[in-house]
PDB file of N, CA and C in Angstrom:
ATOM      1  N   MET A   1     121.232-107.800 -85.882  1.00  0.00           N
ATOM      2  CA  MET A   1     120.748-108.972 -85.777  1.00  0.00           C
ATOM      3  C   MET A   1     120.962-109.695 -84.384  1.00  0.00           C
ATOM      4  N   TYR A   2     122.304-109.655 -84.586  1.00  0.00           N
ATOM      5  CA  TYR A   2     122.909-110.845 -83.323  1.00  0.00           C
ATOM      6  C   TYR A   2     122.897-109.916 -81.776  1.00  0.00           C
ATOM      7  N   LEU A   3     123.007-108.879 -81.768  1.00  0.00           N
ATOM      8  CA  LEU A   3     122.999-108.457 -80.434  1.00  0.00           C
ATOM      9  C   LEU A   3     120.947-108.235 -79.969  1.00  0.00           C
ATOM     10  N   LYS A   4     119.973-108.439 -81.142  1.00  0.00           N
ATOM     11  CA  LYS A   4     118.799-108.954 -80.632  1.00  0.00           C
ATOM     12  C   LYS A   4     118.849-110.108 -79.953  1.00  0.00           C
ATOM     13  N   PHE A   5     119.551-111.337 -80.456  1.00  0.00           N
ATOM     14  CA  PHE A   5     119.523-112.467 -80.096  1.00  0.00           C
ATOM     15  C   PHE A   5     120.048-112.512 -79.040  1.00  0.00           C
ATOM     16  N   VAL A   6     121.533-111.805 -78.816  1.00  0.00           N
ATOM     17  CA  VAL A   6     122.104-111.771 -77.287  1.00  0.00           C
ATOM     18  C   VAL A   6     120.708-111.440 -76.200  1.00  0.00           C
ATOM     19  N   ASP A   7     120.117-110.319 -76.312  1.00  0.00           N
ATOM     20  CA  ASP A   7     119.178-109.345 -75.760  1.00  0.00           C
ATOM     21  C   ASP A   7     118.282-110.291 -75.659  1.00  0.00           C
ATOM     22  N   SER A   8     117.581-111.217 -76.434  1.00  0.00           N
ATOM     23  CA  SER A   8     116.040-112.006 -76.073  1.00  0.00           C
ATOM     24  C   SER A   8     116.983-112.731 -75.578  1.00  0.00           C
ATOM     25  N   ARG A   9     118.013-113.297 -75.042  1.00  0.00           N
ATOM     26  CA  ARG A   9     118.245-114.364 -74.279  1.00  0.00           C
ATOM     27  C   ARG A   9     117.973-114.392 -72.845  1.00  0.00           C
ATOM     28  N   GLY A  10     117.639-113.366 -72.495  1.00  0.00           N
ATOM     29  CA  GLY A  10     117.127-113.231 -70.835  1.00  0.00           C
ATOM     30  C   GLY A  10     119.020-113.159 -69.835  1.00  0.00           C
ATOM     31  N   LEU A  11     119.078-113.128 -70.151  1.00  0.00           N
ATOM     32  CA  LEU A  11     120.771-113.593 -69.068  1.00  0.00           C
ATOM     33  C   LEU A  11     121.180-112.031 -68.460  1.00  0.00           C
ATOM     34  N   LYS A  12     121.211-112.213 -67.135  1.00  0.00           N
ATOM     35  CA  LYS A  12     121.660-111.515 -66.728  1.00  0.00           C
ATOM     36  C   LYS A  12     122.922-110.339 -66.745  1.00  0.00           C
ATOM     37  N   TYR A  13     122.904-109.655 -66.492  1.00  0.00           N
ATOM     38  CA  TYR A  13     124.408-109.023 -67.166  1.00  0.00           C
ATOM     39  C   TYR A  13     125.788-109.161 -66.539  1.00  0.00           C
ATOM     40  N   SER A  14     125.928-110.225 -65.322  1.00  0.00           N
ATOM     41  CA  SER A  14     126.735-110.459 -65.197  1.00  0.00           C
ATOM     42  C   SER A  14     127.134-112.057 -65.644  1.00  0.00           C
ATOM     43  N   GLU A  15     126.119-112.229 -66.083  1.00  0.00           N
ATOM     44  CA  GLU A  15     126.120-113.922 -67.403  1.00  0.00           C
ATOM     45  C   GLU A  15     126.803-113.352 -68.509  1.00  0.00           C
ATOM     46  N   LEU A  16     126.547-112.074 -69.241  1.00  0.00           N
ATOM     47  CA  LEU A  16     127.143-111.782 -70.247  1.00  0.00           C
ATOM     48  C   LEU A  16     129.090-111.059 -70.334  1.00  0.00           C
ATOM     49  N   LYS A  17     129.715-111.220 -71.602  1.00  0.00           N
ATOM     50  CA  LYS A  17     130.430-110.916 -71.568  1.00  0.00           C
ATOM     51  C   LYS A  17     130.481-109.073 -71.356  1.00  0.00           C
ATOM     52  N   SER A  18     131.486-109.336 -70.928  1.00  0.00           N
ATOM     53  CA  SER A  18     130.952-107.272 -70.719  1.00  0.00           C
ATOM     54  C   SER A  18     131.188-106.788 -71.756  1.00  0.00           C
ATOM     55  N   CYS A  19     131.667-106.830 -73.148  1.00  0.00           N
ATOM     56  CA  CYS A  19     131.247-106.025 -74.132  1.00  0.00           C
ATOM     57  C   CYS A  19     129.644-105.797 -74.747  1.00  0.00           C
ATOM     58  N   PHE A  20     128.658-107.024 -74.496  1.00  0.00           N
ATOM     59  CA  PHE A  20     127.563-106.807 -74.004  1.00  0.00           C
ATOM     60  C   PHE A  20     126.999-106.192 -72.677  1.00  0.00           C
ATOM     61  N   SER A  21     127.372-106.200 -71.949  1.00  0.00           N
ATOM     62  CA  SER A  21     126.874-105.451 -70.555  1.00  0.00           C
ATOM     63  C   SER A  21     126.851-104.134 -70.681  1.00  0.00           C
ATOM     64  N   VAL A  22     128.270-103.635 -71.727  1.00  0.00           N
ATOM     65  CA  VAL A  22     128.250-102.330 -71.768  1.00  0.00           C
ATOM     66  C   VAL A  22     127.103-101.340 -72.578  1.00  0.00           C
ATOM     67  N   PHE A  23     126.387-102.495 -73.488  1.00  0.00           N
ATOM     68  CA  PHE A  23     125.329-101.674 -74.055  1.00  0.00           C
ATOM     69  C   PHE A  23     123.728-101.148 -73.202  1.00  0.00           C
ATOM     70  N   GLY A  24     123.891-102.439 -72.495  1.00  0.00           N
ATOM     71  CA  GLY A  24     123.308-102.052 -71.203  1.00  0.00           C
ATOM     72  C   GLY A  24     123.576-100.665 -70.208  1.00  0.00           C
ATOM     73  N   LEU A  25     124.533-100.652 -69.746  1.00  0.00           N
ATOM     74  CA  LEU A  25     125.027 -99.607 -68.731  1.00  0.00           C
ATOM     75  C   LEU A  25     125.400 -98.771 -69.231  1.00  0.00           C
ATOM     76  N   LYS A  26     125.482 -98.518 -70.582  1.00  0.00           N
ATOM     77  CA  LYS A  26     126.713 -97.060 -71.176  1.00  0.00           C
ATOM     78  C   LYS A  26     126.415 -96.040 -70.562  1.00  0.00           C
ATOM     79  N   SER A  27     125.016 -95.670 -70.307  1.00  0.00           N
ATOM     80  CA  SER A  27     124.521 -94.667 -69.673  1.00  0.00           C
ATOM     81  C   SER A  27     125.208 -93.914 -68.380  1.00  0.00           C
ATOM     82  N   LYS A  28     125.418 -95.054 -67.794  1.00  0.00           N
ATOM     83  CA  LYS A  28     125.754 -94.874 -66.222  1.00  0.00           C
ATOM     84  C   LYS A  28     127.328 -94.656 -66.568  1.00  0.00           C
ATOM     85  N   LEU A  29     128.342 -95.597 -67.228  1.00  0.00           N
ATOM     86  CA  LEU A  29     129.518 -95.826 -67.487  1.00  0.00           C
ATOM     87  C   LEU A  29     129.601 -94.386 -68.126  1.00  0.00           C
ATOM     88  N   GLN A  30     129.118 -93.941 -69.083  1.00  0.00           N
ATOM     89  CA  GLN A  30     129.426 -92.264 -69.361  1.00  0.00           C
ATOM     90  C   GLN A  30     129.394 -91.282 -68.318  1.00  0.00           C
ATOM     91  N   THR A  31     128.029 -91.290 -66.888  1.00  0.00           N
ATOM     92  CA  THR A  31     128.260 -90.560 -66.385  1.00  0.00           C
ATOM     93  C   THR A  31     129.867 -90.619 -65.131  1.00  0.00           C
ATOM     94  N   LEU A  32     129.863 -91.617 -65.404  1.00  0.00           N
ATOM     95  CA  LEU A  32     131.102 -91.957 -64.089  1.00  0.00           C
ATOM     96  C   LEU A  32     132.311 -91.468 -64.986  1.00  0.00           C
ATOM     97  N   ALA A  33     132.157 -91.900 -66.161  1.00  0.00           N
ATOM     98  CA  ALA A  33     134.268 -91.159 -66.929  1.00  0.00           C
ATOM     99  C   ALA A  33     133.522 -89.799 -67.248  1.00  0.00           C
ATOM    100  N   ALA A  34     132.425 -88.883 -67.213  1.00  0.00           N
ATOM    101  CA  ALA A  34     131.867 -87.763 -67.105  1.00  0.00           C
ATOM    102  C   ALA A  34     132.119 -86.698 -66.658  1.00  0.00           C
ATOM    103  N   SER A  35     131.224 -87.581 -65.042  1.00  0.00           N
ATOM    104  CA  SER A  35     130.939 -86.239 -64.068  1.00  0.00           C
ATOM    105  C   SER A  35     131.849 -85.981 -63.059  1.00  0.00           C
ATOM    106  N   ARG A  36     132.086 -85.160 -63.039  1.00  0.00           N
ATOM    107  CA  ARG A  36     133.094 -84.746 -61.471  1.00  0.00           C
ATOM    108  C   ARG A  36     132.434 -84.613 -60.433  1.00  0.00           C
ATOM    109  N   GLN A  37     131.058 -84.855 -60.088  1.00  0.00           N
ATOM    110  CA  GLN A  37     130.617 -84.648 -58.545  1.00  0.00           C
ATOM    111  C   GLN A  37     129.869 -85.946 -58.026  1.00  0.00           C
ATOM    112  N   SER A  38     130.451 -86.679 -57.044  1.00  0.00           N
ATOM    113  CA  SER A  38     130.609 -87.323 -56.346  1.00  0.00           C
ATOM    114  C   SER A  38     129.424 -88.604 -56.154  1.00  0.00           C
ATOM    115  N   LEU A  39     128.548 -87.429 -56.078  1.00  0.00           N
ATOM    116  CA  LEU A  39     127.036 -87.703 -55.854  1.00  0.00           C
ATOM    117  C   LEU A  39     126.201 -88.830 -56.998  1.00  0.00           C
ATOM    118  N   ALA A  40     126.985 -87.854 -57.977  1.00  0.00           N
ATOM    119  CA  ALA A  40     126.337 -88.665 -59.402  1.00  0.00           C
ATOM    120  C   ALA A  40     127.185 -89.975 -59.444  1.00  0.00           C
ATOM    121  N   ASN A  41     128.592 -89.851 -59.402  1.00  0.00           N
ATOM    122  CA  ASN A  41     129.365 -91.176 -59.544  1.00  0.00           C
ATOM    123  C   ASN A  41     128.985 -92.359 -58.602  1.00  0.00           C
ATOM    124  N   ILE A  42     128.824 -92.018 -57.235  1.00  0.00           N
ATOM    125  CA  ILE A  42     128.128 -92.522 -56.390  1.00  0.00           C
ATOM    126  C   ILE A  42     127.349 -92.850 -57.069  1.00  0.00           C
ATOM    127  N   ASP A  43     126.008 -92.720 -56.966  1.00  0.00           N
ATOM    128  CA  ASP A  43     124.757 -93.059 -57.214  1.00  0.00           C
ATOM    129  C   ASP A  43     125.422 -94.561 -58.741  1.00  0.00           C
ATOM    130  N   ALA A  44     126.000 -93.808 -59.968  1.00  0.00           N
ATOM    131  CA  ALA A  44     126.051 -94.358 -61.174  1.00  0.00           C
ATOM    132  C   ALA A  44     126.636 -95.720 -60.273  1.00  0.00           C
ATOM    133  N   PHE A  45     127.403 -95.781 -59.985  1.00  0.00           N
ATOM    134  CA  PHE A  45     128.257 -97.119 -59.533  1.00  0.00           C
ATOM    135  C   PHE A  45     127.405 -97.926 -58.836  1.00  0.00           C
ATOM    136  N   ASP A  46     126.611 -97.405 -57.781  1.00  0.00           N
ATOM    137  CA  ASP A  46     125.464 -98.533 -56.882  1.00  0.00           C
ATOM    138  C   ASP A  46     124.220 -99.444 -58.146  1.00  0.00           C
ATOM    139  N   PHE A  47     124.042 -97.883 -59.120  1.00  0.00           N
ATOM    140  CA  PHE A  47     123.021 -98.838 -60.178  1.00  0.00           C
ATOM    141  C   PHE A  47     123.708 -99.719 -60.764  1.00  0.00           C
ATOM    142  N   ILE A  48     125.385 -99.871 -61.279  1.00  0.00           N
ATOM    143  CA  ILE A  48     125.549-100.286 -61.712  1.00  0.00           C
ATOM    144  C   ILE A  48     125.819-102.076 -60.867  1.00  0.00           C
ATOM    145  N   ARG A  49     126.579-101.553 -59.617  1.00  0.00           N
ATOM    146  CA  ARG A  49     126.301-102.804 -58.859  1.00  0.00           C
ATOM    147  C   ARG A  49     125.178-103.317 -58.969  1.00  0.00           C
ATOM    148  N   SER A  50     123.735-102.753 -58.478  1.00  0.00           N
ATOM    149  CA  SER A  50     122.699-103.081 -58.103  1.00  0.00           C
ATOM    150  C   SER A  50     122.260-104.007 -59.449  1.00  0.00           C
ATOM    151  N   GLU A  51     122.270-103.501 -60.488  1.00  0.00           N
ATOM    152  CA  GLU A  51     121.952-104.332 -62.084  1.00  0.00           C
ATOM    153  C   GLU A  51     122.765-105.171 -62.744  1.00  0.00           C
ATOM    154  N   LEU A  52     124.287-105.717 -62.021  1.00  0.00           N
ATOM    155  CA  LEU A  52     124.415-107.414 -62.288  1.00  0.00           C
ATOM    156  C   LEU A  52     123.932-108.472 -62.098  1.00  0.00           C
ATOM    157  N   GLU A  53     122.746-108.692 -61.159  1.00  0.00           N
ATOM    158  CA  GLU A  53     122.129-109.455 -60.927  1.00  0.00           C
ATOM    159  C   GLU A  53     120.967-109.805 -61.555  1.00  0.00           C
ATOM    160  N   ASN A  54     120.551-108.543 -61.933  1.00  0.00           N
ATOM    161  CA  ASN A  54     119.039-108.198 -62.972  1.00  0.00           C
ATOM    162  C   ASN A  54     119.130-108.960 -64.471  1.00  0.00           C
ATOM    163  N   THR A  55     118.314-108.869 -65.129  1.00  0.00           N
ATOM    164  CA  THR A  55     118.063-109.133 -66.956  1.00  0.00           C
ATOM    165  C   THR A  55     118.703-107.848 -67.424  1.00  0.00           C
ATOM    166  N   ALA A  56     119.640-108.427 -68.100  1.00  0.00           N
ATOM    167  CA  ALA A  56     120.281-107.275 -69.075  1.00  0.00           C
ATOM    168  C   ALA A  56     118.870-107.077 -69.454  1.00  0.00           C
ATOM    169  N   ARG A  57     119.143-105.891 -70.096  1.00  0.00           N
ATOM    170  CA  ARG A  57     118.101-104.722 -71.295  1.00  0.00           C
ATOM    171  C   ARG A  57     119.406-104.046 -71.906  1.00  0.00           C
ATOM    172  N   LEU A  58     119.780-104.079 -72.984  1.00  0.00           N
ATOM    173  CA  LEU A  58     120.698-103.571 -73.978  1.00  0.00           C
ATOM    174  C   LEU A  58     119.933-102.414 -74.865  1.00  0.00           C
ATOM    175  N   GLN A  59     120.659-101.401 -75.210  1.00  0.00           N
ATOM    176  CA  GLN A  59     120.305-100.322 -75.615  1.00  0.00           C
ATOM    177  C   GLN A  59     120.738-100.584 -77.414  1.00  0.00           C
ATOM    178  N   LEU A  60     119.895-100.857 -77.768  1.00  0.00           N
ATOM    179  CA  LEU A  60     120.583-101.464 -79.220  1.00  0.00           C
ATOM    180  C   LEU A  60     119.979-100.514 -80.412  1.00  0.00           C
ATOM    181  N   GLY A  61     119.394 -99.296 -80.045  1.00  0.00           N
ATOM    182  CA  GLY A  61     119.608 -98.558 -80.867  1.00  0.00           C
ATOM    183  C   GLY A  61     120.796 -97.570 -81.258  1.00  0.00           C
ATOM    184  N   SER A  62     121.729 -97.556 -80.417  1.00  0.00           N
ATOM    185  CA  SER A  62     122.655 -96.554 -80.693  1.00  0.00           C
ATOM    186  C   SER A  62     123.865 -97.855 -80.734  1.00  0.00           C
ATOM    187  N   ALA A  63     123.448 -98.712 -80.406  1.00  0.00           N
ATOM    188  CA  ALA A  63     124.595 -99.540 -80.684  1.00  0.00           C
ATOM    189  C   ALA A  63     125.886-100.025 -81.300  1.00  0.00           C
ATOM    190  N   ILE A  64     125.357-100.082 -82.572  1.00  0.00           N
ATOM    191  CA  ILE A  64     126.274 -99.848 -83.890  1.00  0.00           C
ATOM    192  C   ILE A  64     126.308 -98.799 -84.612  1.00  0.00           C
ATOM    193  N   ASN A  65     127.833 -98.563 -85.396  1.00  0.00           N
ATOM    194  CA  ASN A  65     127.756 -97.092 -85.606  1.00  0.00           C
ATOM    195  C   ASN A  65     128.322 -96.908 -86.592  1.00  0.00           C
ATOM    196  N   THR A  66     127.937 -97.201 -87.784  1.00  0.00           N
ATOM    197  CA  THR A  66     129.796 -97.273 -88.575  1.00  0.00           C
ATOM    198  C   THR A  66     129.894 -95.534 -89.062  1.00  0.00           C
ATOM    199  N   GLU A  67     129.715 -94.750 -88.428  1.00  0.00           N
ATOM    200  CA  GLU A  67     129.769 -93.616 -88.613  1.00  0.00           C
ATOM    201  C   GLU A  67     129.796 -93.234 -90.220  1.00  0.00           C
ATOM    202  N   SER A  68     128.544 -93.337 -90.702  1.00  0.00           N
ATOM    203  CA  SER A  68     129.005 -92.685 -91.962  1.00  0.00           C
ATOM    204  C   SER A  68     129.629 -93.519 -93.294  1.00  0.00           C
ATOM    205  N   ASN A  69     130.750 -94.189 -92.525  1.00  0.00           N
ATOM    206  CA  ASN A  69     132.002 -94.487 -93.507  1.00  0.00           C
ATOM    207  C   ASN A  69     132.365 -95.548 -92.818  1.00  0.00           C
ATOM    208  N   LEU A  70     132.785 -96.916 -93.182  1.00  0.00           N
ATOM    209  CA  LEU A  70     133.230 -98.067 -92.417  1.00  0.00           C
ATOM    210  C   LEU A  70     134.682 -98.450 -93.135  1.00  0.00           C
ATOM    211  N   THR A  71     135.327 -97.294 -92.537  1.00  0.00           N
ATOM    212  CA  THR A  71     136.987 -98.019 -92.193  1.00  0.00           C
ATOM    213  C   THR A  71     137.367 -98.786 -91.426  1.00  0.00           C
ATOM    214  N   SER A  72     138.525 -99.541 -91.493  1.00  0.00           N
ATOM    215  CA  SER A  72     138.875-100.408 -90.977  1.00  0.00           C
ATOM    216  C   SER A  72     138.845 -99.739 -89.243  1.00  0.00           C
ATOM    217  N   LYS A  73     139.522 -98.556 -88.830  1.00  0.00           N
ATOM    218  CA  LYS A  73     139.128 -98.022 -87.924  1.00  0.00           C
ATOM    219  C   LYS A  73     137.660 -98.327 -87.382  1.00  0.00           C
ATOM    220  N   VAL A  74     137.049 -97.559 -87.695  1.00  0.00           N
ATOM    221  CA  VAL A  74     135.263 -98.133 -87.355  1.00  0.00           C
ATOM    222  C   VAL A  74     134.726 -99.794 -87.356  1.00  0.00           C
ATOM    223  N   PHE A  75     135.544-100.472 -88.435  1.00  0.00           N
ATOM    224  CA  PHE A  75     135.353-101.944 -88.028  1.00  0.00           C
ATOM    225  C   PHE A  75     135.930-102.091 -86.865  1.00  0.00           C
ATOM    226  N   SER A  76     136.966-102.418 -86.810  1.00  0.00           N
ATOM    227  CA  SER A  76     137.594-102.437 -85.633  1.00  0.00           C
ATOM    228  C   SER A  76     136.861-102.855 -84.292  1.00  0.00           C
ATOM    229  N   ASN A  77     136.113-101.215 -84.015  1.00  0.00           N
ATOM    230  CA  ASN A  77     135.586-101.076 -82.573  1.00  0.00           C
ATOM    231  C   ASN A  77     134.270-101.494 -82.916  1.00  0.00           C
ATOM    232  N   ILE A  78     133.752-101.512 -84.276  1.00  0.00           N
ATOM    233  CA  ILE A  78     132.216-102.900 -84.059  1.00  0.00           C
ATOM    234  C   ILE A  78     132.720-104.154 -83.738  1.00  0.00           C
ATOM    235  N   ALA A  79     133.636-104.587 -84.367  1.00  0.00           N
ATOM    236  CA  ALA A  79     134.545-105.926 -83.889  1.00  0.00           C
ATOM    237  C   ALA A  79     134.604-105.996 -83.016  1.00  0.00           C
ATOM    238  N   THR A  80     135.061-105.003 -82.278  1.00  0.00           N
ATOM    239  CA  THR A  80     135.453-105.629 -80.729  1.00  0.00           C
ATOM    240  C   THR A  80     134.122-105.112 -79.823  1.00  0.00           C
ATOM    241  N   SER A  81     133.808-104.090 -80.128  1.00  0.00           N
ATOM    242  CA  SER A  81     132.459-104.375 -79.003  1.00  0.00           C
ATOM    243  C   SER A  81     131.297-105.715 -79.453  1.00  0.00           C
ATOM    244  N   LEU A  82     131.581-106.363 -80.424  1.00  0.00           N
ATOM    245  CA  LEU A  82     130.847-107.384 -80.713  1.00  0.00           C
ATOM    246  C   LEU A  82     131.327-108.478 -80.457  1.00  0.00           C
ATOM    247  N   ASN A  83     132.350-108.248 -79.915  1.00  0.00           N
ATOM    248  CA  ASN A  83     133.621-109.691 -79.358  1.00  0.00           C
ATOM    249  C   ASN A  83     134.198-110.423 -80.581  1.00  0.00           C
ATOM    250  N   ILE A  84     134.412-110.130 -81.171  1.00  0.00           N
ATOM    251  CA  ILE A  84     135.329-110.414 -82.400  1.00  0.00           C
ATOM    252  C   ILE A  84     136.191-110.234 -82.960  1.00  0.00           C
ATOM    253  N   ASN A  85     137.180-111.030 -82.952  1.00  0.00           N
ATOM    254  CA  ASN A  85     138.804-111.317 -83.370  1.00  0.00           C
ATOM    255  C   ASN A  85     139.013-110.785 -84.281  1.00  0.00           C
ATOM    256  N   ILE A  86     139.442-109.551 -84.523  1.00  0.00           N
ATOM    257  CA  ILE A  86     139.456-108.811 -85.879  1.00  0.00           C
ATOM    258  C   ILE A  86     141.153-109.545 -87.153  1.00  0.00           C
ATOM    259  N   ALA A  87     141.822-110.288 -85.504  1.00  0.00           N
ATOM    260  CA  ALA A  87     142.850-110.865 -86.646  1.00  0.00           C
ATOM    261  C   ALA A  87     142.852-111.518 -88.047  1.00  0.00           C
ATOM    262  N   GLY A  88     141.935-111.974 -88.513  1.00  0.00           N
ATOM    263  CA  GLY A  88     141.200-112.326 -89.641  1.00  0.00           C
ATOM    264  C   GLY A  88     141.009-111.638 -90.663  1.00  0.00           C
ATOM    265  N   TYR A  89     141.238-110.426 -89.859  1.00  0.00           N
ATOM    266  CA  TYR A  89     140.508-108.747 -91.104  1.00  0.00           C
ATOM    267  C   TYR A  89     141.466-108.383 -91.605  1.00  0.00           C
ATOM    268  N   THR A  90     142.614-108.152 -90.603  1.00  0.00           N
ATOM    269  CA  THR A  90     143.999-107.321 -90.674  1.00  0.00           C
ATOM    270  C   THR A  90     144.490-107.273 -91.851  1.00  0.00           C
ATOM    271  N   SER A  91     144.795-108.421 -92.533  1.00  0.00           N
ATOM    272  CA  SER A  91     145.392-108.588 -93.575  1.00  0.00           C
ATOM    273  C   SER A  91     145.309-107.549 -94.599  1.00  0.00           C
ATOM    274  N   ARG A  92     143.377-107.070 -94.668  1.00  0.00           N
ATOM    275  CA  ARG A  92     142.812-106.074 -95.365  1.00  0.00           C
ATOM    276  C   ARG A  92     143.134-104.873 -95.470  1.00  0.00           C
ATOM    277  N   PHE A  93     143.853-104.997 -93.724  1.00  0.00           N
ATOM    278  CA  PHE A  93     143.920-103.179 -93.686  1.00  0.00           C
ATOM    279  C   PHE A  93     144.954-102.473 -94.754  1.00  0.00           C
ATOM    280  N   GLY A  94     145.033-101.499 -95.003  1.00  0.00           N
ATOM    281  CA  GLY A  94     146.077-100.768 -95.913  1.00  0.00           C
ATOM    282  C   GLY A  94     146.627-100.044 -94.901  1.00  0.00           C
ATOM    283  N   PRO A  95     147.729 -99.530 -95.293  1.00  0.00           N
ATOM    284  CA  PRO A  95     149.220 -98.276 -94.983  1.00  0.00           C
ATOM    285  C   PRO A  95     148.195 -97.419 -94.740  1.00  0.00           C
ATOM    286  N   VAL A  96     148.791 -96.649 -93.319  1.00  0.00           N
ATOM    287  CA  VAL A  96     148.601 -95.582 -92.281  1.00  0.00           C
ATOM    288  C   VAL A  96     148.941 -94.349 -93.740  1.00  0.00           C
ATOM    289  N   HIS A  97     147.371 -93.488 -94.141  1.00  0.00           N
ATOM    290  CA  HIS A  97     147.494 -92.431 -94.534  1.00  0.00           C
ATOM    291  C   HIS A  97     147.248 -91.220 -93.715  1.00  0.00           C
ATOM    292  N   GLY A  98     148.032 -90.269 -93.169  1.00  0.00           N
ATOM    293  CA  GLY A  98     147.531 -88.982 -92.817  1.00  0.00           C
ATOM    294  C   GLY A  98     147.088 -89.901 -91.374  1.00  0.00           C
ATOM    295  N   PHE A  99     146.179 -89.325 -90.995  1.00  0.00           N
ATOM    296  CA  PHE A  99     144.974 -89.837 -89.422  1.00  0.00           C
ATOM    297  C   PHE A  99     144.084 -90.775 -89.876  1.00  0.00           C
ATOM    298  N   GLU A 100     144.037 -91.153 -91.281  1.00  0.00           N
ATOM    299  CA  GLU A 100     142.921 -91.673 -91.635  1.00  0.00           C
ATOM    300  C   GLU A 100     143.546 -93.279 -91.785  1.00  0.00           C
ATOM    301  N   GLN A 101     143.052 -94.625 -91.646  1.00  0.00           N
ATOM    302  CA  GLN A 101     143.926 -95.582 -92.250  1.00  0.00           C
ATOM    303  C   GLN A 101     142.719 -95.791 -93.382  1.00  0.00           C
ATOM    304  N   VAL A 102     143.420 -96.277 -94.388  1.00  0.00           N
ATOM    305  CA  VAL A 102     142.923 -96.422 -95.516  1.00  0.00           C
ATOM    306  C   VAL A 102     142.765 -98.070 -96.074  1.00  0.00           C
ATOM    307  N   ASP A 103     141.819 -99.061 -96.389  1.00  0.00           N
ATOM    308  CA  ASP A 103     142.070-100.742 -96.087  1.00  0.00           C
ATOM    309  C   ASP A 103     141.026-101.025 -97.488  1.00  0.00           C
ATOM    310  N   GLN A 104     141.499-101.935 -97.908  1.00  0.00           N
ATOM    311  CA  GLN A 104     140.863-102.240 -99.327  1.00  0.00           C
ATOM    312  C   GLN A 104     138.946-103.148 -99.417  1.00  0.00           C
ATOM    313  N   PHE A 105     138.967-103.131 -98.035  1.00  0.00           N
ATOM    314  CA  PHE A 105     137.634-102.877 -96.902  1.00  0.00           C
ATOM    315  C   PHE A 105     136.880-101.754 -97.520  1.00  0.00           C
ATOM    316  N   GLU A 106     137.479-100.580 -97.328  1.00  0.00           N
ATOM    317  CA  GLU A 106     136.861 -99.393 -97.255  1.00  0.00           C
ATOM    318  C   GLU A 106     136.832 -99.098 -98.576  1.00  0.00           C
ATOM    319  N   HIS A 107     138.086 -99.490 -99.698  1.00  0.00           N
ATOM    320  CA  HIS A 107     138.080 -98.703-100.876  1.00  0.00           C
ATOM    321  C   HIS A 107     136.873 -99.970-101.852  1.00  0.00           C
ATOM    322  N   ALA A 108     136.874-101.076-101.528  1.00  0.00           N
ATOM    323  CA  ALA A 108     135.662-102.392-102.203  1.00  0.00           C
ATOM    324  C   ALA A 108     134.277-101.021-101.614  1.00  0.00           C
ATOM    325  N   THR A 109     134.140-100.604-100.379  1.00  0.00           N
ATOM    326  CA  THR A 109     132.678-100.379-100.175  1.00  0.00           C
ATOM    327  C   THR A 109     132.480 -98.788-101.066  1.00  0.00           C
ATOM    328  N   LEU A 110     133.639 -97.827-101.052  1.00  0.00           N
ATOM    329  CA  LEU A 110     133.122 -97.066-102.127  1.00  0.00           C
ATOM    330  C   LEU A 110     133.261 -96.919-103.104  1.00  0.00           C
ATOM    331  N   THR A 111     134.212 -97.794-104.041  1.00  0.00           N
ATOM    332  CA  THR A 111     134.199 -98.350-105.116  1.00  0.00           C
ATOM    333  C   THR A 111     132.816 -99.002-106.132  1.00  0.00           C
ATOM    334  N   SER A 112     132.475 -99.789-105.017  1.00  0.00           N
ATOM    335  CA  SER A 112     131.512-100.451-105.546  1.00  0.00           C
ATOM    336  C   SER A 112     130.065-100.128-105.780  1.00  0.00           C
TER     337      SER A 112
END
């Protein structure tokens, strides 16, 4: 809902915080990260530079992904992508068990 609001404002990419611009430029950023082809990287970078002064078009369909289980790690990733400070929530994060972090928020979600 909040991303729809940001998208509806009609702001340019250069006027948005980076965390929101990423939602519109993600495919080109992925090309930069994954491609080993100079021409593809140059094209992607040129596209990003040229788009900064254009109206942002956020791709909302894949913006938020709970990965089917809202762990503290997933919650932190979502909050960061929306520029939400997680400091007020970390007291609910429990100890690390193995590779997954179990927390009170996750426990309440799974048991409610």
